[in-house]
Each structure stands twice: as structure tokens, then as C-alpha cells.
């Protein structure tokens, strides 16, 4: 039953349904037409990820780290070791394994602010998962203001994915917070665009300087007493300089001057050389917007963290783990209805949770937690196990060190 038909039945029979009252305003503003992504994703990807080493390394670090965290499956409070959902996430499609799928998903989310997964279902069972490029996807708002469909376009051909297909919606859309858009997220590269442009421009300027023998250009001064150069002499001299002395291959070649010509080199002032400092400042701004400590990227001049290990822990705690936890909850809410364990309101929830014990960067914190819990003689064995994330055991309600009753 389509969304429009359901709305007509509610009007005819007086049926009421819970819905956001303000969503109607969004529906009126969009008019049910496709809403395009309000920025140039190709420019962000080209100028950021493909041309800027800070963005490239930051996106790779976040995506690879987030995709490396194992996911546990829980049926209520009970951990499930083998399940079709785990098998699906481990091998989402014939062309990719689980980390490949999640790495591309996280990469799209960081670069574009939006990421999409497609669920391929056969006879109501999800068989494959695929990542979709954000620049090819557009949202189609429904009468209630929320997305009723998504359209994916490639080479002039479009595919529509209606979101009312049970039991699993065909498209999962994750978006970063955007205060000015109802349907799309904001890319972290947008607030970092100024620093990104400055960093790229500094690299281009430095390359041009190296091509010119690592020196600024100079001036040929005509000092003869018989006046200025004729147009023919000027063009000949210009052509000889461009052909014989321009470019990196001609760096350091001596310049043979004719009578009346004098070379005046132009040096760089300390103010002109400040572009190096500006480049490092721009790099820190880009790293800050992406959530990567500058120390991990080799950017000098940042003393916020006492050491590399502390910066690495901050990177995992503030950037990677929140992203993994949010994605695990989104995957659980999206895929769990298709595997039958959430059939009733009283049924235990099927939920994916990240395995933080597998994160090597947090091993120091984990060891300190275990030591504090072990030294707490006022806690029972099961209370200690719960504090470190383990389930209860028989006879574990006694204090540690005491014999079970």
C-alpha cells in the first residue's frame, strides 16, 4: 500500500496516525519533488580527498579504523555467536568483505556528509548489501515530509527505491548533522574549505618556486645609453629566456647577457616566507574539522597532546568510536526486522554492538579498568563482570575471594 493511498484511507475513514505535525511544513515546502544535494560533492572529493594529503590521510585513518572494529550481535542480553545477520555483514556481497563495505561507507560519510547502503532482498530475505555513491542519490520527500523514496542516477538512467518495502527498507541513509537542511547532512570539508584552499594553494606555490630553481624570479634591466629595446629585440630576448632558462630542467643554467643587460635578482622577505607557517595553520584547521589530532598527521607546531599515545586515544574516543556506535545502532534498526527476532513488542531486541576490547589503542585504559575493578573488594563477582562488560555466572553473587554460598 503506497503512502498516498494510506493517507486517503485515513481521510475517508477518520483514522488517525502518529506523525510529526511540523513535517507537513517540510512536505509543503518540497512539494513532493526530488531534493538535490545542495553542494558540489565532486569538487569536495577532487580538491579534498584526491589532491590534499591531509584530507586523504584523515579520511583513510577514520574509515579504516572504524571499519576494523568488530561488531557483536546480541539477542536481548544474550550474545549470539552465529547468525545470518553476522554472516551477511561478514560477506555483504560477492565483490566485497565486511571491512571493504564499511570502509567505503565511512569514507562517503566523511567526504560527503551522507552515506547510503542498499539492501538486496530475495523473497523478503536480505541477501546482499552495497554502498552507493552520494552524488548519484537524491531524496524524494513524501506527503508527510519524510523520504518516501530515493532515486539513484547513473549515465542518464535512474532507479527508484521506494521506502515502504517490508520487512527491510531498501536504502539506509546516514547523514551528519546539518542545521540548514532537512534531508541531507553537511560534509566536514565544507567548514574546512578555506583551510583546504590555502593548503592546496601553498603547495602549488611551493611547486612553482621549485620549478624556478627554488628562487623567485628576477628582472633583466637594460642599462645601455642608447635608449630602450626595440620590439624585435624584446620579443627575441623573451623567447630565448622561456626556451632556454624556464622550467625545472633548466634550473641553475648560467645566463649569458649581451651588452647593456643586467640581471637583478628579487629576494623573498621574511613576510613572504610566512607562507610555510600559514600552510601548517591551514593543515591544522582541516585536521580539526575532520576530527584527527594534528600530531597523528605529522603536522608541526601542535602541543595539545602530551604524547602520541594520548593523541591516538583521543582520536579513537572522540572520532572513531562515536561513529562506530552510531553506525551499529543504525544497522541494527535497519536490518533486525528482516531476521525475525523483533516480531513482537515484547520480543528481545536484536542489536549490534562494537567490541571495544579488540581496539588496541584502548588497551591501557582497559588494563587500568580491570585493575580498579579487581581491587574493589566491596563488589561481587558478577558486579565486577558487569563493570567490564561480561555476563553473569552461576555462583557469582558472592564477594570476590569469598566461597560461593
Protein backbone atom coordinates (compact mmCIF):
# COMPACT_ATOMS: atom_id res chain seq x y z
CA UNK A 1 0.00 0.00 0.00
CA UNK A 2 1.53 3.31 -1.03
CA UNK A 3 1.86 6.33 1.22
CA UNK A 4 -0.69 8.31 -0.78
CA UNK A 5 -3.29 5.53 -0.56
CA UNK A 6 -2.82 5.23 3.18
CA UNK A 7 -3.33 8.99 3.55
CA UNK A 8 -6.57 8.82 1.51
CA UNK A 9 -7.92 5.94 3.64
CA UNK A 10 -7.18 7.86 6.81
CA UNK A 11 -9.09 10.87 5.48
CA UNK A 12 -12.07 8.77 4.33
CA UNK A 13 -12.49 6.67 7.47
CA UNK A 14 -11.25 9.20 10.01
CA UNK A 15 -8.28 7.06 11.00
CA UNK A 16 -5.56 8.81 12.94
CA UNK A 17 -1.87 8.01 12.90
CA UNK A 18 1.01 9.32 14.94
CA UNK A 19 3.09 11.73 12.90
CA UNK A 20 5.11 14.87 13.32
CA UNK A 21 2.95 17.95 12.87
CA UNK A 22 5.89 20.06 11.67
CA UNK A 23 6.78 17.52 8.95
CA UNK A 24 3.77 18.77 6.99
CA UNK A 25 5.52 22.10 6.56
CA UNK A 26 8.54 20.35 5.10
CA UNK A 27 6.30 18.43 2.73
CA UNK A 28 4.61 21.66 1.63
CA UNK A 29 7.99 23.32 1.00
CA UNK A 30 9.35 20.47 -1.11
CA UNK A 31 6.12 19.71 -2.92
CA UNK A 32 6.96 16.02 -3.28
CA UNK A 33 9.73 16.73 -5.80
CA UNK A 34 13.26 15.33 -5.61
CA UNK A 35 15.63 17.38 -3.47
CA UNK A 36 19.17 17.50 -4.84
CA UNK A 37 22.28 17.59 -2.69
CA UNK A 38 22.96 21.31 -2.10
CA UNK A 39 26.69 21.24 -2.80
CA UNK A 40 29.19 20.01 -5.32
CA UNK A 41 30.30 16.64 -4.00
CA UNK A 42 32.67 16.17 -6.94
CA UNK A 43 34.57 19.37 -6.05
CA UNK A 44 34.85 18.36 -2.39
CA UNK A 45 36.14 14.92 -3.35
CA UNK A 46 38.51 16.26 -6.01
CA UNK A 47 40.01 19.23 -4.15
CA UNK A 48 39.94 17.44 -0.80
CA UNK A 49 40.44 13.70 -0.97
CA UNK A 50 42.26 13.39 -4.31
CA UNK A 51 44.51 16.48 -4.10
CA UNK A 52 45.09 17.23 -0.43
CA UNK A 53 47.29 14.85 1.62
CA UNK A 54 45.80 15.98 4.95
CA UNK A 55 42.25 15.16 3.86
CA UNK A 56 43.30 11.94 2.17
CA UNK A 57 45.16 10.63 5.20
CA UNK A 58 42.47 11.78 7.65
CA UNK A 59 39.64 10.11 5.74
CA UNK A 60 41.65 6.92 5.34
CA UNK A 61 42.54 6.84 9.04
CA UNK A 62 38.94 7.33 10.19
CA UNK A 63 37.40 4.93 7.67
CA UNK A 64 39.96 2.15 8.17
CA UNK A 65 39.89 2.46 11.97
CA UNK A 66 36.08 2.46 12.15
CA UNK A 67 35.79 -0.48 9.74
CA UNK A 68 38.30 -2.52 11.77
CA UNK A 69 36.17 -2.60 14.94
CA UNK A 70 34.39 -5.99 15.21
CA UNK A 71 30.65 -5.99 15.82
CA UNK A 72 28.97 -8.31 18.32
CA UNK A 73 25.35 -9.40 17.93
CA UNK A 74 23.07 -9.53 20.99
CA UNK A 75 19.60 -11.03 21.25
CA UNK A 76 18.46 -9.03 24.25
CA UNK A 77 21.22 -9.54 26.85
CA UNK A 78 22.47 -12.76 25.26
CA UNK A 79 25.37 -12.71 22.83
CA UNK A 80 24.80 -14.60 19.57
CA UNK A 81 27.89 -16.23 18.06
CA UNK A 82 26.40 -17.44 14.78
CA UNK A 83 23.55 -15.78 12.94
CA UNK A 84 22.58 -14.97 9.31
CA UNK A 85 22.94 -11.26 10.09
CA UNK A 86 26.56 -11.75 11.14
CA UNK A 87 27.20 -13.82 8.01
CA UNK A 88 25.68 -11.02 5.89
CA UNK A 89 27.88 -8.36 7.47
CA UNK A 90 30.94 -10.58 7.13
CA UNK A 91 30.29 -11.19 3.41
CA UNK A 92 27.86 -8.46 2.24
CA UNK A 93 28.23 -9.20 -1.49
CA UNK A 94 30.40 -11.30 -3.81
CA UNK A 95 32.70 -8.36 -4.56
CA UNK A 96 33.47 -7.19 -1.03
CA UNK A 97 34.01 -8.36 2.53
CA UNK A 98 32.69 -6.63 5.63
CA UNK A 99 35.58 -4.18 6.18
CA UNK A 100 35.52 -3.20 2.48
CA UNK A 101 31.83 -2.31 2.67
CA UNK A 102 32.15 -0.35 5.90
CA UNK A 103 35.33 1.45 4.83
CA UNK A 104 33.68 2.81 1.68
CA UNK A 105 30.54 3.64 3.69
CA UNK A 106 32.51 5.64 6.27
CA UNK A 107 34.59 7.29 3.55
CA UNK A 108 31.48 8.57 1.76
CA UNK A 109 30.03 9.77 5.06
CA UNK A 110 33.11 11.83 5.92
CA UNK A 111 33.69 13.32 2.47
CA UNK A 112 30.04 13.99 1.54
CA UNK A 113 28.28 14.12 4.90
CA UNK A 114 25.92 11.43 3.55
CA UNK A 115 26.29 7.67 3.06
CA UNK A 116 23.92 5.11 1.57
CA UNK A 117 23.62 1.34 1.79
CA UNK A 118 21.39 -0.74 -0.49
CA UNK A 119 19.79 -3.95 0.78
CA UNK A 120 19.11 -6.55 -1.92
CA UNK A 121 16.26 -8.80 -0.79
CA UNK A 122 15.03 -12.06 -2.30
CA UNK A 123 11.67 -13.39 -1.08
CA UNK A 124 11.77 -11.00 1.87
CA UNK A 125 15.28 -12.05 2.96
CA UNK A 126 18.23 -9.68 2.71
CA UNK A 127 20.93 -11.40 0.67
CA UNK A 128 23.39 -8.60 -0.20
CA UNK A 129 24.48 -5.12 0.91
CA UNK A 130 26.05 -2.50 -1.38
CA UNK A 131 27.40 1.03 -0.86
CA UNK A 132 26.08 3.72 -3.20
CA UNK A 133 27.77 6.97 -4.22
CA UNK A 134 26.20 10.02 -2.53
CA UNK A 135 26.48 12.29 -5.58
CA UNK A 136 24.24 9.95 -7.58
CA UNK A 137 21.50 9.77 -4.95
CA UNK A 138 18.63 12.17 -4.32
CA UNK A 139 15.86 12.15 -1.75
CA UNK A 140 12.18 12.12 -2.80
CA UNK A 141 10.12 13.52 0.12
CA UNK A 142 6.63 12.11 0.63
CA UNK A 143 3.38 13.82 1.68
CA UNK A 144 4.43 13.63 5.32
CA UNK A 145 7.72 15.42 4.70
CA UNK A 146 9.91 12.36 5.26
CA UNK A 147 11.67 10.47 2.44
CA UNK A 148 9.29 8.10 0.71
CA UNK A 149 11.81 7.09 -1.94
CA UNK A 150 15.35 7.55 -3.19
CA UNK A 151 16.45 7.95 -6.82
CA UNK A 152 19.87 6.73 -7.97
CA UNK A 153 21.05 8.07 -11.33
CA UNK A 154 23.96 6.89 -13.49
CA UNK A 155 24.66 7.93 -17.11
CA UNK A 156 21.18 9.30 -17.64
CA UNK A 157 19.43 6.23 -16.20
CA UNK A 158 17.59 6.36 -12.86
CA UNK A 159 16.46 3.72 -10.40
CA UNK A 160 13.80 4.48 -7.81
CA UNK A 161 13.85 2.81 -4.38
CA UNK A 162 10.53 3.10 -2.56
CA UNK A 163 10.95 3.02 1.20
CA UNK A 164 7.74 1.16 2.04
CA UNK A 165 9.02 -2.29 1.13
CA UNK A 166 8.80 -4.77 4.03
CA UNK A 167 10.47 -6.02 6.05
CA UNK A 168 13.70 -4.09 5.39
CA UNK A 169 13.72 -0.74 3.64
CA UNK A 170 15.93 -0.92 0.54
CA UNK A 171 18.06 2.14 1.42
CA UNK A 172 19.81 3.09 4.64
CA UNK A 173 20.70 6.78 4.66
CA UNK A 174 23.09 8.10 7.30
CA UNK A 175 23.73 11.83 7.41
CA UNK A 176 25.89 14.09 9.55
CA UNK A 177 24.09 16.94 11.29
CA UNK A 178 23.20 19.88 9.05
CA UNK A 179 21.44 22.83 10.71
CA UNK A 180 20.12 24.24 7.41
CA UNK A 181 18.91 21.16 5.55
CA UNK A 182 16.03 18.78 6.25
CA UNK A 183 17.20 15.84 4.16
CA UNK A 184 20.98 15.90 3.72
CA UNK A 185 23.97 16.04 6.05
CA UNK A 186 26.83 18.50 5.93
CA UNK A 187 30.30 17.44 4.86
CA UNK A 188 33.13 18.22 7.33
CA UNK A 189 35.05 19.58 4.34
CA UNK A 190 32.61 22.49 3.95
CA UNK A 191 33.65 24.37 7.12
CA UNK A 192 37.27 23.43 6.34
CA UNK A 193 37.07 24.75 2.76
CA UNK A 194 39.11 27.92 3.47
CA UNK A 195 41.93 25.99 5.12
CA UNK A 196 41.76 23.39 2.37
CA UNK A 197 42.14 26.02 -0.36
CA UNK A 198 45.01 27.70 1.50
CA UNK A 199 46.84 24.40 1.94
CA UNK A 200 46.40 23.46 -1.72
CA UNK A 201 47.43 26.94 -2.90
CA UNK A 202 50.56 26.82 -0.72
CA UNK A 203 51.52 23.52 -2.32
CA UNK A 204 51.03 24.91 -5.82
CA UNK A 205 53.09 28.00 -4.96
CA UNK A 206 55.89 25.89 -3.50
CA UNK A 207 55.94 23.68 -6.61
CA UNK A 208 56.23 26.73 -8.85
CA UNK A 209 59.07 28.02 -6.67
CA UNK A 210 60.97 24.74 -7.01
CA UNK A 211 60.44 24.76 -10.77
CA UNK A 212 62.16 28.13 -10.79
CA UNK A 213 65.36 26.80 -9.15
CA UNK A 214 63.89 27.42 -5.67
CA UNK A 215 64.33 31.14 -6.21
CA UNK A 216 61.90 33.93 -7.02
CA UNK A 217 62.06 35.43 -10.45
CA UNK A 218 64.35 38.34 -11.18
CA UNK A 219 64.43 41.20 -13.65
CA UNK A 220 66.55 41.99 -16.69
CA UNK A 221 67.45 45.69 -16.59
CA UNK A 222 68.57 47.41 -19.81
CA UNK A 223 71.26 49.92 -18.83
CA UNK A 224 72.58 50.97 -22.25
CA UNK A 225 72.73 54.68 -23.06
CA UNK A 226 71.05 54.38 -26.46
CA UNK A 227 67.51 54.13 -25.07
CA UNK A 228 65.22 51.12 -24.73
CA UNK A 229 65.00 47.77 -26.53
CA UNK A 230 63.25 47.64 -29.87
CA UNK A 231 60.12 45.43 -30.13
CA UNK A 232 62.10 42.87 -32.13
CA UNK A 233 64.89 42.75 -29.53
CA UNK A 234 62.34 42.46 -26.70
CA UNK A 235 60.49 39.53 -28.28
CA UNK A 236 63.75 37.72 -29.14
CA UNK A 237 65.05 38.08 -25.59
CA UNK A 238 61.74 36.91 -24.12
CA UNK A 239 61.68 33.82 -26.35
CA UNK A 240 65.28 32.91 -25.51
CA UNK A 241 64.59 33.15 -21.77
CA UNK A 242 61.45 30.98 -21.95
CA UNK A 243 63.07 28.32 -24.17
CA UNK A 244 66.49 28.16 -22.56
CA UNK A 245 66.06 29.00 -18.89
CA UNK A 246 62.46 28.35 -17.78
CA UNK A 247 61.41 25.10 -16.06
CA UNK A 248 62.99 22.69 -13.61
CA UNK A 249 65.18 21.07 -16.29
CA UNK A 250 67.00 24.38 -16.84
CA UNK A 251 67.47 25.21 -13.17
CA UNK A 252 70.92 26.60 -12.40
CA UNK A 253 71.97 27.31 -16.01
CA UNK A 254 74.09 30.45 -16.33
CA UNK A 255 72.51 33.39 -18.10
CA UNK A 256 74.56 34.92 -20.89
CA UNK A 257 73.75 38.61 -21.20
CA UNK A 258 74.50 40.93 -24.06
CA UNK A 259 75.76 44.45 -23.71
CA UNK A 260 73.56 46.77 -21.74
CA UNK A 261 71.67 44.00 -19.89
CA UNK A 262 71.96 43.45 -16.14
CA UNK A 263 70.25 40.77 -14.02
CA UNK A 264 68.64 41.93 -10.77
CA UNK A 265 67.50 39.06 -8.54
CA UNK A 266 64.45 39.65 -6.33
CA UNK A 267 64.65 38.00 -2.92
CA UNK A 268 61.90 36.93 -0.52
CA UNK A 269 61.25 38.97 2.58
CA UNK A 270 60.54 37.24 5.93
CA UNK A 271 56.92 38.23 5.49
CA UNK A 272 56.81 36.47 2.11
CA UNK A 273 58.33 33.34 3.64
CA UNK A 274 55.50 33.18 6.21
CA UNK A 275 53.52 31.00 3.78
CA UNK A 276 55.08 27.93 5.46
CA UNK A 277 53.51 28.88 8.77
CA UNK A 278 50.21 29.63 7.05
CA UNK A 279 50.30 26.20 5.42
CA UNK A 280 50.71 24.47 8.79
CA UNK A 281 47.86 26.52 10.28
CA UNK A 282 45.61 25.57 7.36
CA UNK A 283 46.55 21.90 7.78
CA UNK A 284 45.59 22.01 11.47
CA UNK A 285 42.24 23.58 10.63
CA UNK A 286 41.48 20.81 8.13
CA UNK A 287 42.53 18.10 10.60
CA UNK A 288 40.42 19.74 13.32
CA UNK A 289 37.31 19.74 11.12
CA UNK A 290 37.79 16.05 10.32
CA UNK A 291 38.46 15.08 13.94
CA UNK A 292 42.06 13.86 13.61
CA UNK A 293 44.73 15.14 16.05
CA UNK A 294 47.38 17.04 14.05
CA UNK A 295 50.14 15.09 15.81
CA UNK A 296 48.95 11.87 14.15
CA UNK A 297 49.34 13.53 10.74
CA UNK A 298 52.86 14.82 11.36
CA UNK A 299 51.80 18.50 11.43
CA UNK A 300 54.35 20.53 13.45
CA UNK A 301 53.53 23.25 15.93
CA UNK A 302 50.79 21.49 17.88
CA UNK A 303 51.47 20.74 21.55
CA UNK A 304 47.94 19.98 22.71
CA UNK A 305 48.70 16.33 23.46
CA UNK A 306 51.42 15.18 25.81
CA UNK A 307 52.46 12.33 23.59
CA UNK A 308 51.48 10.31 20.56
CA UNK A 309 49.68 7.63 22.58
CA UNK A 310 47.41 10.21 24.21
CA UNK A 311 46.61 11.72 20.81
CA UNK A 312 45.80 8.27 19.46
CA UNK A 313 43.43 7.52 22.37
CA UNK A 314 41.73 10.87 21.84
CA UNK A 315 41.30 10.06 18.15
CA UNK A 316 39.58 6.78 18.96
CA UNK A 317 37.45 8.11 21.81
CA UNK A 318 36.26 11.34 20.18
CA UNK A 319 36.10 10.45 16.48
CA UNK A 320 36.14 6.73 15.70
CA UNK A 321 34.08 5.11 18.47
CA UNK A 322 31.11 7.54 18.30
CA UNK A 323 30.95 6.91 14.56
CA UNK A 324 31.09 3.12 15.03
CA UNK A 325 28.46 3.15 17.80
CA UNK A 326 26.08 5.26 15.72
CA UNK A 327 26.53 3.05 12.68
CA UNK A 328 25.97 -0.14 14.72
CA UNK A 329 22.67 1.21 16.03
CA UNK A 330 21.59 2.31 12.55
CA UNK A 331 22.40 -1.12 11.09
CA UNK A 332 20.52 -2.82 13.95
CA UNK A 333 17.38 -0.74 13.47
CA UNK A 334 17.56 -1.19 9.69
CA UNK A 335 18.33 -4.90 9.35
CA UNK A 336 16.91 -6.51 12.52
CA UNK A 337 13.26 -6.55 11.31
CA UNK A 338 14.31 -8.73 8.40
CA UNK A 339 15.61 -11.53 10.61
CA UNK A 340 12.52 -12.29 12.68
CA UNK A 341 13.76 -11.64 16.20
CA UNK A 342 11.88 -8.37 16.62
CA UNK A 343 8.48 -9.73 15.63
CA UNK A 344 6.56 -8.58 18.73
CA UNK A 345 6.71 -5.67 21.16
CA UNK A 346 7.87 -7.97 23.95
CA UNK A 347 10.47 -9.76 21.86
CA UNK A 348 14.14 -9.20 22.78
CA UNK A 349 15.89 -6.64 20.65
CA UNK A 350 18.43 -7.79 18.09
CA UNK A 351 21.29 -5.32 18.39
CA UNK A 352 24.81 -4.90 17.05
CA UNK A 353 27.43 -3.57 19.45
CA UNK A 354 31.11 -2.74 18.85
CA UNK A 355 33.75 -4.88 20.55
CA UNK A 356 35.85 -2.28 22.36
CA UNK A 357 38.16 -4.95 23.80
CA UNK A 358 39.51 -5.52 20.30
CA UNK A 359 40.72 -1.91 19.99
CA UNK A 360 44.46 -2.00 20.66
CA UNK A 361 44.67 1.77 21.18
CA UNK A 362 42.44 1.47 24.27
CA UNK A 363 44.38 -1.38 25.89
CA UNK A 364 45.92 0.93 28.51
CA UNK A 365 42.51 2.18 29.60
CA UNK A 366 41.18 -1.38 29.66
CA UNK A 367 44.04 -2.61 31.85
CA UNK A 368 43.51 0.29 34.27
CA UNK A 369 39.78 -0.50 34.46
CA UNK A 370 40.43 -4.16 35.15
CA UNK A 371 42.92 -3.28 37.88
CA UNK A 372 40.44 -0.93 39.61
CA UNK A 373 37.62 -3.45 39.38
CA UNK A 374 39.79 -6.28 40.66
CA UNK A 375 40.85 -4.20 43.66
CA UNK A 376 37.22 -3.37 44.59
CA UNK A 377 36.56 -5.93 47.31
CA UNK A 378 33.09 -4.48 48.02
CA UNK A 379 31.78 -5.75 44.64
CA UNK A 380 30.51 -9.24 43.91
CA UNK A 381 31.99 -11.34 41.14
CA UNK A 382 29.01 -10.70 38.86
CA UNK A 383 29.13 -6.97 39.59
CA UNK A 384 32.78 -6.94 38.58
CA UNK A 385 31.99 -8.88 35.41
CA UNK A 386 29.20 -6.46 34.57
CA UNK A 387 31.55 -3.49 35.11
CA UNK A 388 33.94 -4.81 32.46
CA UNK A 389 31.21 -5.86 30.03
CA UNK A 390 30.81 -9.59 30.76
CA UNK A 391 27.68 -11.53 31.67
CA UNK A 392 26.83 -13.10 34.99
CA UNK A 393 27.89 -16.62 36.01
CA UNK A 394 26.40 -19.11 38.43
CA UNK A 395 27.56 -18.51 41.98
CA UNK A 396 28.86 -15.07 41.12
CA UNK A 397 26.71 -13.16 43.59
CA UNK A 398 29.29 -13.57 46.36
CA UNK A 399 32.02 -11.09 47.10
CA UNK A 400 35.28 -11.74 45.29
CA UNK A 401 37.53 -14.06 47.21
CA UNK A 402 34.65 -15.49 49.27
CA UNK A 403 33.39 -19.01 48.64
CA UNK A 404 30.02 -19.18 46.87
CA UNK A 405 27.00 -19.99 49.11
